[in-house]
Amino acid sequence: MDYLILILLAACLLIMLVIHQDIIQFGEGYNRTMGQLLPRLASVGQPMKNALTLSCVIFFGGAIARTFTEDDRWLWNALIFSVIPPLVQFLRRKRTKTSG
């Protein structure tokens, strides 16, 4: 279970580093590499950036709560709730594309 948590935390950290290249400055080589490795993730719109950031923060909070309380329910709840913001943005974008 601990390795799964570490993998998910690393994935959240990678997502944050990719979508917030404008805030986190590691140089032009870093931006180019991230743009080539994960082009669709690097070019998401602002509403999806906000949703992904919120999801990562929710998951970080669940992992921290699990660490201090040693109760796995915090982590599972965080996993479930972290899926909701990107899903809402995705469905909202799909609905506006089909109606417009």
C-alpha atoms as a PDB file:
ATOM      1  CA  MET A   1       0.000   0.000   0.000  1.00  0.00           C
ATOM      2  CA  ASP A   2       2.821   2.395   0.820  1.00  0.00           C
ATOM      3  CA  TYR A   3       4.394   1.948  -2.614  1.00  0.00           C
ATOM      4  CA  LEU A   4       1.055   2.686  -4.253  1.00  0.00           C
ATOM      5  CA  ILE A   5       0.793   5.887  -2.233  1.00  0.00           C
ATOM      6  CA  LEU A   6       4.305   6.915  -3.256  1.00  0.00           C
ATOM      7  CA  ILE A   7       3.569   6.217  -6.923  1.00  0.00           C
ATOM      8  CA  LEU A   8       0.349   8.231  -6.780  1.00  0.00           C
ATOM      9  CA  LEU A   9       2.077  11.111  -4.996  1.00  0.00           C
ATOM     10  CA  ALA A  10       4.835  11.094  -7.622  1.00  0.00           C
ATOM     11  CA  ALA A  11       2.193  11.138 -10.368  1.00  0.00           C
ATOM     12  CA  CYS A  12       0.474  14.111  -8.707  1.00  0.00           C
ATOM     13  CA  LEU A  13       3.789  15.913  -8.403  1.00  0.00           C
ATOM     14  CA  LEU A  14       4.553  15.249 -12.071  1.00  0.00           C
ATOM     15  CA  ILE A  15       1.116  16.548 -13.060  1.00  0.00           C
ATOM     16  CA  MET A  16       1.704  19.705 -11.045  1.00  0.00           C
ATOM     17  CA  LEU A  17       5.141  20.225 -12.598  1.00  0.00           C
ATOM     18  CA  VAL A  18       3.768  19.777 -16.115  1.00  0.00           C
ATOM     19  CA  ILE A  19       0.627  21.894 -15.937  1.00  0.00           C
ATOM     20  CA  HIS A  20       2.245  24.745 -13.996  1.00  0.00           C
ATOM     21  CA  GLN A  21       5.290  25.331 -16.179  1.00  0.00           C
ATOM     22  CA  ASP A  22       4.508  29.046 -16.136  1.00  0.00           C
ATOM     23  CA  ILE A  23       4.854  29.161 -12.332  1.00  0.00           C
ATOM     24  CA  ILE A  24       7.619  26.596 -11.812  1.00  0.00           C
ATOM     25  CA  GLN A  25      10.644  27.736 -13.796  1.00  0.00           C
ATOM     26  CA  PHE A  26      13.319  25.115 -14.429  1.00  0.00           C
ATOM     27  CA  GLY A  27      14.519  26.544 -17.734  1.00  0.00           C
ATOM     28  CA  GLU A  28      13.687  26.245 -21.400  1.00  0.00           C
ATOM     29  CA  GLY A  29      15.058  22.686 -21.710  1.00  0.00           C
ATOM     30  CA  TYR A  30      12.646  21.524 -19.021  1.00  0.00           C
ATOM     31  CA  ASN A  31       9.663  23.181 -20.740  1.00  0.00           C
ATOM     32  CA  ARG A  32      10.598  21.658 -24.094  1.00  0.00           C
ATOM     33  CA  THR A  33      11.077  18.184 -22.608  1.00  0.00           C
ATOM     34  CA  MET A  34       7.765  18.257 -20.745  1.00  0.00           C
ATOM     35  CA  GLY A  35       6.024  19.550 -23.855  1.00  0.00           C
ATOM     36  CA  GLN A  36       7.381  16.607 -25.846  1.00  0.00           C
ATOM     37  CA  LEU A  37       6.754  13.921 -23.220  1.00  0.00           C
ATOM     38  CA  LEU A  38       3.227  14.951 -22.244  1.00  0.00           C
ATOM     39  CA  PRO A  39       1.976  17.334 -24.951  1.00  0.00           C
ATOM     40  CA  ARG A  40      -1.741  17.065 -24.190  1.00  0.00           C
ATOM     41  CA  LEU A  41      -1.247  17.574 -20.476  1.00  0.00           C
ATOM     42  CA  ALA A  42       1.091  20.512 -21.036  1.00  0.00           C
ATOM     43  CA  SER A  43      -1.506  22.297 -23.184  1.00  0.00           C
ATOM     44  CA  VAL A  44      -4.674  21.988 -21.071  1.00  0.00           C
ATOM     45  CA  GLY A  45      -6.860  25.059 -20.581  1.00  0.00           C
ATOM     46  CA  GLN A  46      -7.106  27.102 -17.416  1.00  0.00           C
ATOM     47  CA  PRO A  47     -10.336  25.484 -16.104  1.00  0.00           C
ATOM     48  CA  MET A  48      -8.799  22.005 -16.395  1.00  0.00           C
ATOM     49  CA  LYS A  49      -5.561  23.249 -14.788  1.00  0.00           C
ATOM     50  CA  ASN A  50      -7.583  24.456 -11.832  1.00  0.00           C
ATOM     51  CA  ALA A  51      -9.448  21.139 -11.604  1.00  0.00           C
ATOM     52  CA  LEU A  52      -6.248  19.071 -11.781  1.00  0.00           C
ATOM     53  CA  THR A  53      -4.573  21.282  -9.188  1.00  0.00           C
ATOM     54  CA  LEU A  54      -7.540  20.884  -6.855  1.00  0.00           C
ATOM     55  CA  SER A  55      -7.432  17.119  -7.366  1.00  0.00           C
ATOM     56  CA  CYS A  56      -3.751  16.955  -6.508  1.00  0.00           C
ATOM     57  CA  VAL A  57      -4.280  19.087  -3.405  1.00  0.00           C
ATOM     58  CA  ILE A  58      -7.138  16.815  -2.292  1.00  0.00           C
ATOM     59  CA  PHE A  59      -4.964  13.748  -2.774  1.00  0.00           C
ATOM     60  CA  PHE A  60      -2.003  15.345  -0.963  1.00  0.00           C
ATOM     61  CA  GLY A  61      -4.341  16.156   1.936  1.00  0.00           C
ATOM     62  CA  GLY A  62      -5.632  12.588   2.038  1.00  0.00           C
ATOM     63  CA  ALA A  63      -2.105  11.194   2.029  1.00  0.00           C
ATOM     64  CA  ILE A  64      -1.061  13.517   4.847  1.00  0.00           C
ATOM     65  CA  ALA A  65      -4.167  12.648   6.883  1.00  0.00           C
ATOM     66  CA  ARG A  66      -3.501   8.940   6.334  1.00  0.00           C
ATOM     67  CA  THR A  67       0.075   9.403   7.495  1.00  0.00           C
ATOM     68  CA  PHE A  68      -0.929  11.049  10.759  1.00  0.00           C
ATOM     69  CA  THR A  69      -4.021   9.003  11.550  1.00  0.00           C
ATOM     70  CA  GLU A  70      -2.910   5.675  10.014  1.00  0.00           C
ATOM     71  CA  ASP A  71      -6.470   5.271   8.765  1.00  0.00           C
ATOM     72  CA  ASP A  72      -6.766   4.196   5.121  1.00  0.00           C
ATOM     73  CA  ARG A  73     -10.248   5.675   4.770  1.00  0.00           C
ATOM     74  CA  TRP A  74      -8.720   9.154   4.419  1.00  0.00           C
ATOM     75  CA  LEU A  75      -6.703   8.030   1.429  1.00  0.00           C
ATOM     76  CA  TRP A  76      -9.581   6.212  -0.263  1.00  0.00           C
ATOM     77  CA  ASN A  77     -11.903   9.176   0.254  1.00  0.00           C
ATOM     78  CA  ALA A  78      -9.258  11.507  -1.169  1.00  0.00           C
ATOM     79  CA  LEU A  79      -8.844   9.245  -4.205  1.00  0.00           C
ATOM     80  CA  ILE A  80     -12.578   9.286  -4.874  1.00  0.00           C
ATOM     81  CA  PHE A  81     -12.989  13.027  -4.334  1.00  0.00           C
ATOM     82  CA  SER A  82      -9.911  13.877  -6.379  1.00  0.00           C
ATOM     83  CA  VAL A  83     -11.532  12.377  -9.481  1.00  0.00           C
ATOM     84  CA  ILE A  84     -14.582  14.653  -9.272  1.00  0.00           C
ATOM     85  CA  PRO A  85     -13.143  18.084 -10.328  1.00  0.00           C
ATOM     86  CA  PRO A  86     -11.504  16.892 -13.597  1.00  0.00           C
ATOM     87  CA  LEU A  87     -14.549  14.782 -14.384  1.00  0.00           C
ATOM     88  CA  VAL A  88     -16.845  17.789 -13.940  1.00  0.00           C
ATOM     89  CA  GLN A  89     -14.624  19.937 -16.181  1.00  0.00           C
ATOM     90  CA  PHE A  90     -14.432  17.199 -18.800  1.00  0.00           C
ATOM     91  CA  LEU A  91     -18.210  16.742 -18.856  1.00  0.00           C
ATOM     92  CA  ARG A  92     -18.794  20.487 -18.901  1.00  0.00           C
ATOM     93  CA  ARG A  93     -16.464  20.874 -21.886  1.00  0.00           C
ATOM     94  CA  LYS A  94     -18.135  17.984 -23.705  1.00  0.00           C
ATOM     95  CA  ARG A  95     -21.566  19.501 -23.101  1.00  0.00           C
ATOM     96  CA  THR A  96     -20.540  22.933 -24.414  1.00  0.00           C
ATOM     97  CA  LYS A  97     -18.955  21.388 -27.528  1.00  0.00           C
ATOM     98  CA  THR A  98     -22.079  19.420 -28.395  1.00  0.00           C
ATOM     99  CA  SER A  99     -24.498  22.286 -27.738  1.00  0.00           C
ATOM    100  CA  GLY A 100     -22.391  24.980 -29.474  1.00  0.00           C
END
